[in-house]
Amino acid sequence: MSDDTTTTGPDLPPDRLAIHPRSEWFDADKLQRGVGIRFKGVVRTNVEEYCISEGWVRVQAGKTMDRHGNPLTLKLNGPVEAWYEDLGDNPPVAKA
């Protein structure tokens, strides 16, 4: 039986995911499916990394770059929900 608080399964995104290839949490196959993120009740399209169980997202801090040319990010805390966008209008949502 499925539970709304589940964070694993074939139709649910992983608990943690990043868009940068150098990150240990990067997974190109999962990102290709398209992952939707809702943070504090608002759908966000600028998320660099998220963790559902710890309740945070990383977003880019303007156009500022670090000394290696990577964007500086801010870690925002709050409830995070994630879903695969390729599953249509009513996909199962992973949340804590």
N, C-alpha and C. Protein backbone atom coordinates (compact mmCIF):
# COMPACT_ATOMS: atom_id res chain seq x y z
N MET A 1 0.83 -1.17 0.00
CA MET A 1 0.00 0.00 0.00
C MET A 1 0.88 1.24 0.00
N SER A 2 0.53 2.25 -0.79
CA SER A 2 1.33 3.45 -0.94
C SER A 2 1.01 4.44 0.18
N ASP A 3 2.02 5.23 0.57
CA ASP A 3 1.88 6.20 1.63
C ASP A 3 2.32 7.56 1.11
N ASP A 4 1.61 8.64 1.44
CA ASP A 4 1.94 9.98 0.95
C ASP A 4 3.29 10.48 1.44
N THR A 5 3.79 9.93 2.54
CA THR A 5 5.05 10.41 3.07
C THR A 5 6.24 9.61 2.55
N THR A 6 6.01 8.71 1.62
CA THR A 6 7.08 7.90 1.05
C THR A 6 8.01 8.77 0.22
N THR A 7 9.31 8.48 0.30
CA THR A 7 10.27 9.24 -0.49
C THR A 7 11.08 8.35 -1.42
N THR A 8 10.64 7.11 -1.62
CA THR A 8 11.33 6.24 -2.56
C THR A 8 10.30 5.49 -3.39
N GLY A 9 10.73 4.97 -4.51
CA GLY A 9 9.87 4.20 -5.39
C GLY A 9 10.19 4.54 -6.83
N PRO A 10 9.70 3.72 -7.77
CA PRO A 10 10.04 3.93 -9.17
C PRO A 10 9.45 5.22 -9.75
N ASP A 11 8.31 5.67 -9.24
CA ASP A 11 7.69 6.88 -9.78
C ASP A 11 7.89 8.10 -8.90
N LEU A 12 8.80 8.00 -7.93
CA LEU A 12 9.11 9.12 -7.06
C LEU A 12 10.58 9.50 -7.22
N PRO A 13 10.88 10.79 -7.26
CA PRO A 13 12.28 11.22 -7.35
C PRO A 13 13.04 10.83 -6.09
N PRO A 14 14.38 10.81 -6.17
CA PRO A 14 15.18 10.46 -4.99
C PRO A 14 15.04 11.51 -3.89
N ASP A 15 15.42 11.14 -2.68
CA ASP A 15 15.36 12.04 -1.53
C ASP A 15 16.25 13.26 -1.74
N ARG A 16 17.37 13.08 -2.43
CA ARG A 16 18.31 14.17 -2.66
C ARG A 16 18.80 14.11 -4.10
N LEU A 17 18.87 15.27 -4.75
CA LEU A 17 19.29 15.32 -6.15
C LEU A 17 19.93 16.68 -6.43
N ALA A 18 20.97 16.69 -7.26
CA ALA A 18 21.67 17.91 -7.65
C ALA A 18 21.79 17.97 -9.16
N ILE A 19 21.88 19.19 -9.71
CA ILE A 19 21.97 19.34 -11.17
C ILE A 19 23.40 19.42 -11.68
N HIS A 20 24.38 19.57 -10.78
CA HIS A 20 25.78 19.71 -11.22
C HIS A 20 26.44 18.34 -11.32
N PRO A 21 27.06 18.04 -12.48
CA PRO A 21 27.68 16.74 -12.70
C PRO A 21 28.78 16.37 -11.70
N ARG A 22 29.43 17.34 -11.07
CA ARG A 22 30.49 17.03 -10.12
C ARG A 22 29.96 16.60 -8.75
N SER A 23 28.68 16.78 -8.52
CA SER A 23 28.10 16.43 -7.23
C SER A 23 27.88 14.92 -7.12
N GLU A 24 28.04 14.39 -5.93
CA GLU A 24 27.78 12.96 -5.72
C GLU A 24 26.28 12.66 -5.82
N TRP A 25 25.43 13.67 -5.75
CA TRP A 25 23.98 13.49 -5.81
C TRP A 25 23.43 13.70 -7.22
N PHE A 26 24.29 13.87 -8.21
CA PHE A 26 23.88 14.06 -9.61
C PHE A 26 23.45 12.72 -10.21
N ASP A 27 22.33 12.73 -10.94
CA ASP A 27 21.85 11.54 -11.65
C ASP A 27 21.17 12.00 -12.94
N ALA A 28 21.89 11.89 -14.06
CA ALA A 28 21.41 12.40 -15.34
C ALA A 28 20.10 11.74 -15.77
N ASP A 29 19.96 10.43 -15.54
CA ASP A 29 18.74 9.73 -15.96
C ASP A 29 17.51 10.30 -15.26
N LYS A 30 17.63 10.55 -13.99
CA LYS A 30 16.49 11.09 -13.23
C LYS A 30 16.20 12.53 -13.63
N LEU A 31 17.25 13.31 -13.87
CA LEU A 31 17.05 14.70 -14.28
C LEU A 31 16.42 14.81 -15.65
N GLN A 32 16.72 13.86 -16.56
CA GLN A 32 16.14 13.89 -17.90
C GLN A 32 14.63 13.72 -17.87
N ARG A 33 14.11 13.05 -16.86
CA ARG A 33 12.67 12.87 -16.73
C ARG A 33 11.98 14.18 -16.38
N GLY A 34 12.73 15.12 -15.82
CA GLY A 34 12.16 16.38 -15.37
C GLY A 34 11.64 16.24 -13.96
N VAL A 35 12.21 16.98 -13.04
CA VAL A 35 11.80 16.92 -11.64
C VAL A 35 11.19 18.26 -11.26
N GLY A 36 9.95 18.21 -10.80
CA GLY A 36 9.29 19.42 -10.31
C GLY A 36 9.54 19.55 -8.82
N ILE A 37 9.74 20.78 -8.36
CA ILE A 37 10.02 21.03 -6.94
C ILE A 37 9.02 22.07 -6.42
N ARG A 38 8.41 21.76 -5.29
CA ARG A 38 7.57 22.71 -4.57
C ARG A 38 8.25 22.95 -3.23
N PHE A 39 8.59 24.23 -2.96
CA PHE A 39 9.26 24.60 -1.73
C PHE A 39 8.39 25.61 -1.00
N LYS A 40 8.00 25.28 0.22
CA LYS A 40 7.10 26.12 1.03
C LYS A 40 5.81 26.45 0.27
N GLY A 41 5.30 25.47 -0.47
CA GLY A 41 4.04 25.64 -1.17
C GLY A 41 4.12 26.34 -2.51
N VAL A 42 5.32 26.73 -2.95
CA VAL A 42 5.51 27.45 -4.22
C VAL A 42 6.36 26.60 -5.15
N VAL A 43 5.91 26.42 -6.39
CA VAL A 43 6.69 25.67 -7.38
C VAL A 43 7.90 26.50 -7.76
N ARG A 44 9.09 25.90 -7.64
CA ARG A 44 10.35 26.60 -7.94
C ARG A 44 11.00 25.99 -9.17
N THR A 45 11.56 26.82 -10.02
CA THR A 45 12.25 26.33 -11.22
C THR A 45 13.75 26.63 -11.17
N ASN A 46 14.23 27.24 -10.09
CA ASN A 46 15.64 27.63 -10.00
C ASN A 46 16.41 26.85 -8.95
N VAL A 47 15.99 25.64 -8.64
CA VAL A 47 16.63 24.84 -7.61
C VAL A 47 17.85 24.12 -8.17
N GLU A 48 18.99 24.28 -7.51
CA GLU A 48 20.24 23.64 -7.91
C GLU A 48 20.37 22.25 -7.28
N GLU A 49 19.88 22.10 -6.04
CA GLU A 49 19.96 20.85 -5.30
C GLU A 49 18.85 20.87 -4.26
N TYR A 50 18.35 19.69 -3.90
CA TYR A 50 17.34 19.62 -2.85
C TYR A 50 17.53 18.37 -2.01
N CYS A 51 16.97 18.39 -0.81
CA CYS A 51 16.92 17.21 0.06
C CYS A 51 15.56 17.23 0.76
N ILE A 52 14.75 16.24 0.47
CA ILE A 52 13.40 16.19 1.02
C ILE A 52 13.43 15.88 2.51
N SER A 53 14.19 14.86 2.93
CA SER A 53 14.18 14.43 4.33
C SER A 53 14.77 15.48 5.27
N GLU A 54 15.75 16.26 4.81
CA GLU A 54 16.34 17.30 5.65
C GLU A 54 15.61 18.63 5.50
N GLY A 55 14.74 18.76 4.49
CA GLY A 55 13.92 19.95 4.32
C GLY A 55 14.68 21.19 3.88
N TRP A 56 15.43 21.10 2.76
CA TRP A 56 16.14 22.27 2.25
C TRP A 56 16.30 22.20 0.73
N VAL A 57 16.52 23.37 0.15
CA VAL A 57 16.87 23.49 -1.27
C VAL A 57 18.05 24.45 -1.37
N ARG A 58 18.81 24.32 -2.45
CA ARG A 58 19.88 25.28 -2.77
C ARG A 58 19.46 26.00 -4.05
N VAL A 59 19.51 27.33 -3.99
CA VAL A 59 19.19 28.15 -5.15
C VAL A 59 20.36 29.09 -5.43
N GLN A 60 20.49 29.49 -6.68
CA GLN A 60 21.59 30.37 -7.06
C GLN A 60 21.37 31.76 -6.47
N ALA A 61 22.45 32.36 -5.96
CA ALA A 61 22.41 33.69 -5.36
C ALA A 61 22.73 34.73 -6.43
N GLY A 62 21.74 35.10 -7.21
CA GLY A 62 21.95 36.08 -8.28
C GLY A 62 22.90 35.56 -9.33
N LYS A 63 23.74 36.43 -9.85
CA LYS A 63 24.71 36.04 -10.88
C LYS A 63 26.12 35.91 -10.32
N THR A 64 26.24 35.89 -9.00
CA THR A 64 27.54 35.82 -8.34
C THR A 64 28.18 34.46 -8.54
N MET A 65 29.48 34.46 -8.84
CA MET A 65 30.23 33.21 -9.04
C MET A 65 31.34 33.11 -8.00
N ASP A 66 31.73 31.87 -7.69
CA ASP A 66 32.87 31.68 -6.80
C ASP A 66 34.15 31.73 -7.61
N ARG A 67 35.29 31.51 -6.97
CA ARG A 67 36.58 31.62 -7.66
C ARG A 67 36.79 30.53 -8.70
N HIS A 68 35.99 29.47 -8.69
CA HIS A 68 36.10 28.40 -9.68
C HIS A 68 35.10 28.56 -10.82
N GLY A 69 34.33 29.63 -10.80
CA GLY A 69 33.36 29.88 -11.85
C GLY A 69 32.01 29.20 -11.63
N ASN A 70 31.81 28.64 -10.45
CA ASN A 70 30.53 28.03 -10.12
C ASN A 70 29.62 29.06 -9.47
N PRO A 71 28.32 28.96 -9.68
CA PRO A 71 27.42 29.93 -9.05
C PRO A 71 27.39 29.76 -7.53
N LEU A 72 27.34 30.87 -6.82
CA LEU A 72 27.17 30.81 -5.38
C LEU A 72 25.72 30.45 -5.10
N THR A 73 25.49 29.64 -4.09
CA THR A 73 24.13 29.21 -3.78
C THR A 73 23.77 29.53 -2.35
N LEU A 74 22.48 29.65 -2.12
CA LEU A 74 21.93 29.84 -0.79
C LEU A 74 21.16 28.59 -0.41
N LYS A 75 21.30 28.18 0.83
CA LYS A 75 20.55 27.02 1.33
C LYS A 75 19.33 27.55 2.08
N LEU A 76 18.14 27.21 1.58
CA LEU A 76 16.89 27.65 2.19
C LEU A 76 16.22 26.46 2.86
N ASN A 77 15.76 26.65 4.08
CA ASN A 77 15.11 25.57 4.84
C ASN A 77 13.61 25.70 4.81
N GLY A 78 12.93 24.56 4.69
CA GLY A 78 11.48 24.51 4.68
C GLY A 78 11.00 23.22 4.06
N PRO A 79 9.69 23.01 4.02
CA PRO A 79 9.15 21.77 3.44
C PRO A 79 9.40 21.69 1.94
N VAL A 80 9.87 20.52 1.48
CA VAL A 80 10.20 20.29 0.07
C VAL A 80 9.36 19.13 -0.45
N GLU A 81 8.79 19.30 -1.63
CA GLU A 81 8.07 18.23 -2.31
C GLU A 81 8.65 18.09 -3.71
N ALA A 82 8.75 16.86 -4.22
CA ALA A 82 9.32 16.63 -5.55
C ALA A 82 8.48 15.60 -6.30
N TRP A 83 8.43 15.72 -7.63
CA TRP A 83 7.71 14.78 -8.48
C TRP A 83 8.34 14.77 -9.86
N TYR A 84 8.09 13.70 -10.60
CA TYR A 84 8.55 13.63 -11.99
C TYR A 84 7.52 14.30 -12.88
N GLU A 85 7.98 15.24 -13.69
CA GLU A 85 7.08 15.99 -14.56
C GLU A 85 6.58 15.17 -15.75
N ASP A 86 7.27 14.07 -16.07
CA ASP A 86 6.85 13.26 -17.23
C ASP A 86 5.68 12.33 -16.90
N LEU A 87 5.15 12.38 -15.69
CA LEU A 87 4.04 11.51 -15.30
C LEU A 87 2.68 12.17 -15.46
N GLY A 88 2.63 13.36 -16.03
CA GLY A 88 1.35 14.00 -16.31
C GLY A 88 0.92 14.98 -15.24
N ASP A 89 -0.41 15.21 -15.18
CA ASP A 89 -0.96 16.25 -14.33
C ASP A 89 -1.08 15.88 -12.86
N ASN A 90 -1.19 14.60 -12.54
CA ASN A 90 -1.39 14.18 -11.15
C ASN A 90 -0.35 13.14 -10.73
N PRO A 91 0.95 13.48 -10.75
CA PRO A 91 1.98 12.50 -10.41
C PRO A 91 2.05 12.26 -8.91
N PRO A 92 2.59 11.12 -8.48
CA PRO A 92 2.83 10.93 -7.05
C PRO A 92 3.92 11.89 -6.59
N VAL A 93 3.75 12.45 -5.39
CA VAL A 93 4.65 13.47 -4.87
C VAL A 93 5.44 12.91 -3.70
N ALA A 94 6.76 13.08 -3.74
CA ALA A 94 7.63 12.67 -2.62
C ALA A 94 7.75 13.84 -1.67
N LYS A 95 7.41 13.59 -0.40
CA LYS A 95 7.52 14.64 0.62
C LYS A 95 7.83 14.01 1.97
N ALA A 96 8.35 14.83 2.86
CA ALA A 96 8.72 14.32 4.20
C ALA A 96 7.55 14.33 5.14
